[in-house]
N, C-alpha and C. Protein backbone atom coordinates (compact mmCIF):
# COMPACT_ATOMS: atom_id res chain seq x y z
N MET A 1 -53.85 49.49 -9.28
CA MET A 1 -53.91 48.26 -8.51
C MET A 1 -53.22 47.10 -9.26
N PHE A 2 -53.44 47.07 -10.58
CA PHE A 2 -52.83 46.03 -11.40
C PHE A 2 -51.30 46.12 -11.36
N ARG A 3 -50.79 47.34 -11.38
CA ARG A 3 -49.34 47.54 -11.33
C ARG A 3 -48.76 47.04 -10.01
N LEU A 4 -49.44 47.26 -8.93
CA LEU A 4 -48.98 46.83 -7.61
C LEU A 4 -48.91 45.30 -7.55
N ILE A 5 -49.91 44.61 -8.08
CA ILE A 5 -49.91 43.15 -8.10
C ILE A 5 -48.77 42.64 -8.99
N LEU A 6 -48.59 43.27 -10.13
CA LEU A 6 -47.51 42.88 -11.05
C LEU A 6 -46.14 43.06 -10.39
N ILE A 7 -45.94 44.15 -9.69
CA ILE A 7 -44.67 44.41 -9.01
C ILE A 7 -44.45 43.38 -7.90
N LEU A 8 -45.50 43.04 -7.14
CA LEU A 8 -45.37 42.04 -6.08
C LEU A 8 -45.03 40.66 -6.65
N VAL A 9 -45.65 40.29 -7.77
CA VAL A 9 -45.35 39.01 -8.41
C VAL A 9 -43.92 39.00 -8.90
N LEU A 10 -43.46 40.05 -9.51
CA LEU A 10 -42.07 40.12 -9.98
C LEU A 10 -41.09 40.03 -8.82
N LEU A 11 -41.38 40.72 -7.73
CA LEU A 11 -40.51 40.64 -6.55
C LEU A 11 -40.48 39.23 -5.98
N LEU A 12 -41.63 38.57 -5.99
CA LEU A 12 -41.70 37.19 -5.50
C LEU A 12 -40.87 36.26 -6.39
N VAL A 13 -40.95 36.42 -7.70
CA VAL A 13 -40.17 35.61 -8.64
C VAL A 13 -38.69 35.87 -8.45
N ILE A 14 -38.30 37.11 -8.30
CA ILE A 14 -36.90 37.47 -8.08
C ILE A 14 -36.40 36.87 -6.77
N TYR A 15 -37.23 36.91 -5.74
CA TYR A 15 -36.86 36.34 -4.44
C TYR A 15 -36.63 34.83 -4.57
N TRP A 16 -37.55 34.11 -5.22
CA TRP A 16 -37.39 32.67 -5.40
C TRP A 16 -36.13 32.34 -6.21
N ALA A 17 -35.88 33.10 -7.26
CA ALA A 17 -34.69 32.85 -8.07
C ALA A 17 -33.42 33.10 -7.26
N ALA A 18 -33.39 34.18 -6.50
CA ALA A 18 -32.22 34.50 -5.69
C ALA A 18 -32.02 33.43 -4.61
N ARG A 19 -33.10 32.98 -4.00
CA ARG A 19 -33.00 31.95 -2.97
C ARG A 19 -32.49 30.63 -3.55
N SER A 20 -32.97 30.27 -4.72
CA SER A 20 -32.53 29.04 -5.39
C SER A 20 -31.05 29.14 -5.77
N LEU A 21 -30.67 30.29 -6.30
CA LEU A 21 -29.27 30.51 -6.67
C LEU A 21 -28.38 30.44 -5.43
N TRP A 22 -28.82 31.04 -4.34
CA TRP A 22 -28.05 31.02 -3.11
C TRP A 22 -27.85 29.59 -2.59
N ARG A 23 -28.91 28.78 -2.65
CA ARG A 23 -28.81 27.39 -2.21
C ARG A 23 -27.83 26.61 -3.10
N ASP A 24 -27.89 26.84 -4.40
CA ASP A 24 -26.97 26.15 -5.31
C ASP A 24 -25.53 26.54 -5.03
N LEU A 25 -25.29 27.82 -4.82
CA LEU A 25 -23.92 28.27 -4.53
C LEU A 25 -23.44 27.71 -3.20
N LYS A 26 -24.31 27.69 -2.22
CA LYS A 26 -23.94 27.17 -0.92
C LYS A 26 -23.63 25.67 -0.99
N ALA A 27 -24.45 24.93 -1.72
CA ALA A 27 -24.22 23.49 -1.87
C ALA A 27 -22.95 23.21 -2.65
N SER A 28 -22.68 23.97 -3.70
CA SER A 28 -21.48 23.72 -4.49
C SER A 28 -20.22 24.09 -3.73
N SER A 29 -20.27 25.08 -2.87
CA SER A 29 -19.08 25.43 -2.09
C SER A 29 -18.85 24.40 -0.98
N TYR A 30 -19.93 23.75 -0.54
CA TYR A 30 -19.79 22.72 0.49
C TYR A 30 -19.16 21.45 -0.09
N HIS A 31 -19.53 21.13 -1.31
CA HIS A 31 -19.02 19.92 -1.98
C HIS A 31 -18.04 20.32 -3.07
N LYS A 32 -16.98 20.97 -2.68
CA LYS A 32 -15.99 21.39 -3.67
C LYS A 32 -15.30 20.19 -4.26
N LYS A 33 -15.00 20.30 -5.53
CA LYS A 33 -14.26 19.24 -6.19
C LYS A 33 -12.79 19.39 -5.84
N LYS A 34 -12.10 18.25 -5.86
CA LYS A 34 -10.67 18.27 -5.59
C LYS A 34 -9.96 18.92 -6.77
N PRO A 35 -8.82 19.55 -6.52
CA PRO A 35 -8.05 20.12 -7.62
C PRO A 35 -7.62 19.04 -8.60
N ALA A 36 -7.38 19.43 -9.81
CA ALA A 36 -7.04 18.47 -10.87
C ALA A 36 -5.77 17.69 -10.54
N SER A 37 -4.83 18.31 -9.86
CA SER A 37 -3.58 17.64 -9.55
C SER A 37 -3.77 16.47 -8.59
N SER A 38 -4.73 16.59 -7.67
CA SER A 38 -4.93 15.49 -6.73
C SER A 38 -5.77 14.37 -7.32
N SER A 39 -6.45 14.64 -8.44
CA SER A 39 -7.25 13.58 -9.05
C SER A 39 -6.41 12.74 -10.03
N ALA A 40 -5.19 13.14 -10.27
CA ALA A 40 -4.32 12.38 -11.15
C ALA A 40 -3.88 11.10 -10.45
N PRO A 41 -3.66 10.03 -11.20
CA PRO A 41 -3.23 8.79 -10.57
C PRO A 41 -1.85 8.94 -9.95
N PRO A 42 -1.57 8.18 -8.91
CA PRO A 42 -0.25 8.28 -8.28
C PRO A 42 0.85 7.85 -9.25
N GLN A 43 1.99 8.46 -9.12
CA GLN A 43 3.11 8.15 -9.99
C GLN A 43 3.79 6.85 -9.55
N VAL A 44 4.15 6.04 -10.51
CA VAL A 44 4.86 4.79 -10.22
C VAL A 44 6.33 5.15 -10.02
N THR A 45 6.85 4.76 -8.87
CA THR A 45 8.24 5.11 -8.57
C THR A 45 9.17 3.91 -8.63
N ASP A 46 8.62 2.73 -8.85
CA ASP A 46 9.44 1.53 -8.88
C ASP A 46 9.14 0.75 -10.15
N LYS A 47 10.17 0.14 -10.71
CA LYS A 47 10.00 -0.65 -11.93
C LYS A 47 9.72 -2.10 -11.56
N LEU A 48 9.03 -2.78 -12.45
CA LEU A 48 8.81 -4.21 -12.27
C LEU A 48 9.88 -4.98 -13.03
N VAL A 49 10.35 -6.03 -12.40
CA VAL A 49 11.35 -6.90 -13.02
C VAL A 49 10.81 -8.31 -13.04
N LYS A 50 11.22 -9.08 -14.04
CA LYS A 50 10.72 -10.44 -14.20
C LYS A 50 11.69 -11.44 -13.60
N ASP A 51 11.15 -12.32 -12.78
CA ASP A 51 11.93 -13.40 -12.18
C ASP A 51 12.29 -14.40 -13.28
N PRO A 52 13.58 -14.70 -13.50
CA PRO A 52 13.95 -15.62 -14.58
C PRO A 52 13.59 -17.08 -14.30
N VAL A 53 13.28 -17.41 -13.07
CA VAL A 53 12.96 -18.79 -12.72
C VAL A 53 11.47 -19.08 -12.94
N CYS A 54 10.61 -18.28 -12.33
CA CYS A 54 9.17 -18.58 -12.39
C CYS A 54 8.39 -17.61 -13.28
N GLY A 55 9.02 -16.51 -13.71
CA GLY A 55 8.36 -15.57 -14.62
C GLY A 55 7.46 -14.55 -13.96
N VAL A 56 7.44 -14.51 -12.64
CA VAL A 56 6.61 -13.56 -11.91
C VAL A 56 7.27 -12.18 -11.93
N TYR A 57 6.46 -11.14 -12.08
CA TYR A 57 6.97 -9.77 -12.02
C TYR A 57 6.90 -9.30 -10.57
N CYS A 58 7.95 -8.62 -10.13
CA CYS A 58 7.96 -8.07 -8.78
C CYS A 58 8.64 -6.71 -8.80
N ALA A 59 8.42 -5.94 -7.76
CA ALA A 59 9.02 -4.61 -7.67
C ALA A 59 10.53 -4.74 -7.51
N LYS A 60 11.24 -3.96 -8.29
CA LYS A 60 12.70 -4.02 -8.28
C LYS A 60 13.26 -3.71 -6.89
N ARG A 61 12.59 -2.77 -6.22
CA ARG A 61 13.07 -2.33 -4.91
C ARG A 61 13.01 -3.46 -3.87
N SER A 62 12.01 -4.33 -3.96
CA SER A 62 11.85 -5.38 -2.95
C SER A 62 12.29 -6.76 -3.44
N ALA A 63 12.84 -6.82 -4.64
CA ALA A 63 13.23 -8.12 -5.21
C ALA A 63 14.53 -8.63 -4.59
N TYR A 64 14.66 -9.95 -4.58
CA TYR A 64 15.91 -10.60 -4.18
C TYR A 64 16.85 -10.52 -5.39
N THR A 65 18.13 -10.40 -5.15
CA THR A 65 19.07 -10.24 -6.26
C THR A 65 20.20 -11.27 -6.18
N ALA A 66 20.76 -11.50 -7.35
CA ALA A 66 21.96 -12.33 -7.46
C ALA A 66 22.75 -11.79 -8.64
N ILE A 67 24.06 -11.81 -8.50
CA ILE A 67 24.92 -11.37 -9.60
C ILE A 67 25.61 -12.60 -10.16
N TRP A 68 25.44 -12.79 -11.46
CA TRP A 68 26.06 -13.94 -12.13
C TRP A 68 26.79 -13.43 -13.36
N LYS A 69 28.11 -13.62 -13.37
CA LYS A 69 28.97 -13.19 -14.47
C LYS A 69 28.78 -11.71 -14.80
N GLY A 70 28.70 -10.90 -13.74
CA GLY A 70 28.63 -9.46 -13.91
C GLY A 70 27.24 -8.91 -14.20
N LYS A 71 26.24 -9.76 -14.30
CA LYS A 71 24.88 -9.30 -14.58
C LYS A 71 24.02 -9.50 -13.33
N VAL A 72 23.16 -8.51 -13.03
CA VAL A 72 22.28 -8.58 -11.88
C VAL A 72 20.96 -9.23 -12.30
N TYR A 73 20.53 -10.22 -11.53
CA TYR A 73 19.26 -10.90 -11.76
C TYR A 73 18.35 -10.62 -10.57
N TYR A 74 17.07 -10.48 -10.84
CA TYR A 74 16.09 -10.17 -9.80
C TYR A 74 15.11 -11.32 -9.65
N PHE A 75 14.73 -11.60 -8.39
CA PHE A 75 13.87 -12.74 -8.09
C PHE A 75 12.74 -12.32 -7.15
N CYS A 76 11.62 -13.07 -7.27
CA CYS A 76 10.46 -12.78 -6.42
C CYS A 76 10.63 -13.34 -5.01
N SER A 77 11.46 -14.38 -4.86
CA SER A 77 11.63 -15.01 -3.55
C SER A 77 13.04 -15.57 -3.42
N GLU A 78 13.39 -15.88 -2.20
CA GLU A 78 14.69 -16.48 -1.94
C GLU A 78 14.76 -17.89 -2.56
N GLU A 79 13.63 -18.57 -2.59
CA GLU A 79 13.57 -19.91 -3.19
C GLU A 79 13.93 -19.86 -4.68
N CYS A 80 13.37 -18.90 -5.41
CA CYS A 80 13.71 -18.77 -6.84
C CYS A 80 15.17 -18.39 -7.01
N ARG A 81 15.67 -17.56 -6.12
CA ARG A 81 17.08 -17.15 -6.19
C ARG A 81 17.99 -18.36 -6.01
N GLN A 82 17.67 -19.20 -5.03
CA GLN A 82 18.48 -20.39 -4.77
C GLN A 82 18.41 -21.38 -5.93
N LYS A 83 17.24 -21.56 -6.54
CA LYS A 83 17.10 -22.44 -7.70
C LYS A 83 17.98 -21.94 -8.85
N PHE A 84 17.93 -20.64 -9.09
CA PHE A 84 18.72 -20.03 -10.16
C PHE A 84 20.21 -20.27 -9.94
N LEU A 85 20.67 -19.98 -8.73
CA LEU A 85 22.09 -20.15 -8.42
C LEU A 85 22.50 -21.62 -8.51
N ALA A 86 21.64 -22.53 -8.07
CA ALA A 86 21.96 -23.96 -8.15
C ALA A 86 22.06 -24.40 -9.61
N GLU A 87 21.15 -23.94 -10.46
CA GLU A 87 21.20 -24.28 -11.89
C GLU A 87 22.46 -23.73 -12.55
N LYS A 88 22.82 -22.51 -12.23
CA LYS A 88 24.00 -21.90 -12.83
C LYS A 88 25.27 -22.59 -12.34
N GLU A 89 25.32 -22.94 -11.07
CA GLU A 89 26.49 -23.65 -10.53
C GLU A 89 26.64 -25.03 -11.16
N SER A 90 25.53 -25.73 -11.29
CA SER A 90 25.62 -27.08 -11.90
C SER A 90 25.96 -26.99 -13.38
N ALA A 91 25.47 -25.96 -14.05
CA ALA A 91 25.80 -25.80 -15.49
C ALA A 91 27.27 -25.42 -15.67
N SER A 92 27.79 -24.59 -14.78
CA SER A 92 29.20 -24.17 -14.92
C SER A 92 30.15 -25.30 -14.50
N SER A 93 29.77 -26.12 -13.54
CA SER A 93 30.65 -27.24 -13.13
C SER A 93 30.60 -28.37 -14.14
N ALA A 94 29.47 -28.52 -14.86
CA ALA A 94 29.36 -29.57 -15.87
C ALA A 94 30.09 -29.17 -17.15
N GLY A 95 30.11 -27.86 -17.43
CA GLY A 95 30.69 -27.45 -18.71
C GLY A 95 31.96 -26.80 -18.58
């Protein structure tokens, strides 16, 4: 009789352990983690350039540009671009 009770208790413990393990596996498969590649930060595809007039950094792709004496200058706005060109024109006409 003692052996029968011991076997029933062991089966009950095994059942609870298997049920708990099954729930854990089911929960972990439901909430899968994203692959490592998708958790990486997005790659920066554009460089930042500094506006020579106001010092603001802006994306090179969307910046306003002006070429002065063969060099390309980048600006955050058309207003800064116009100020730069006006200063360069007045400096070249004065000197």
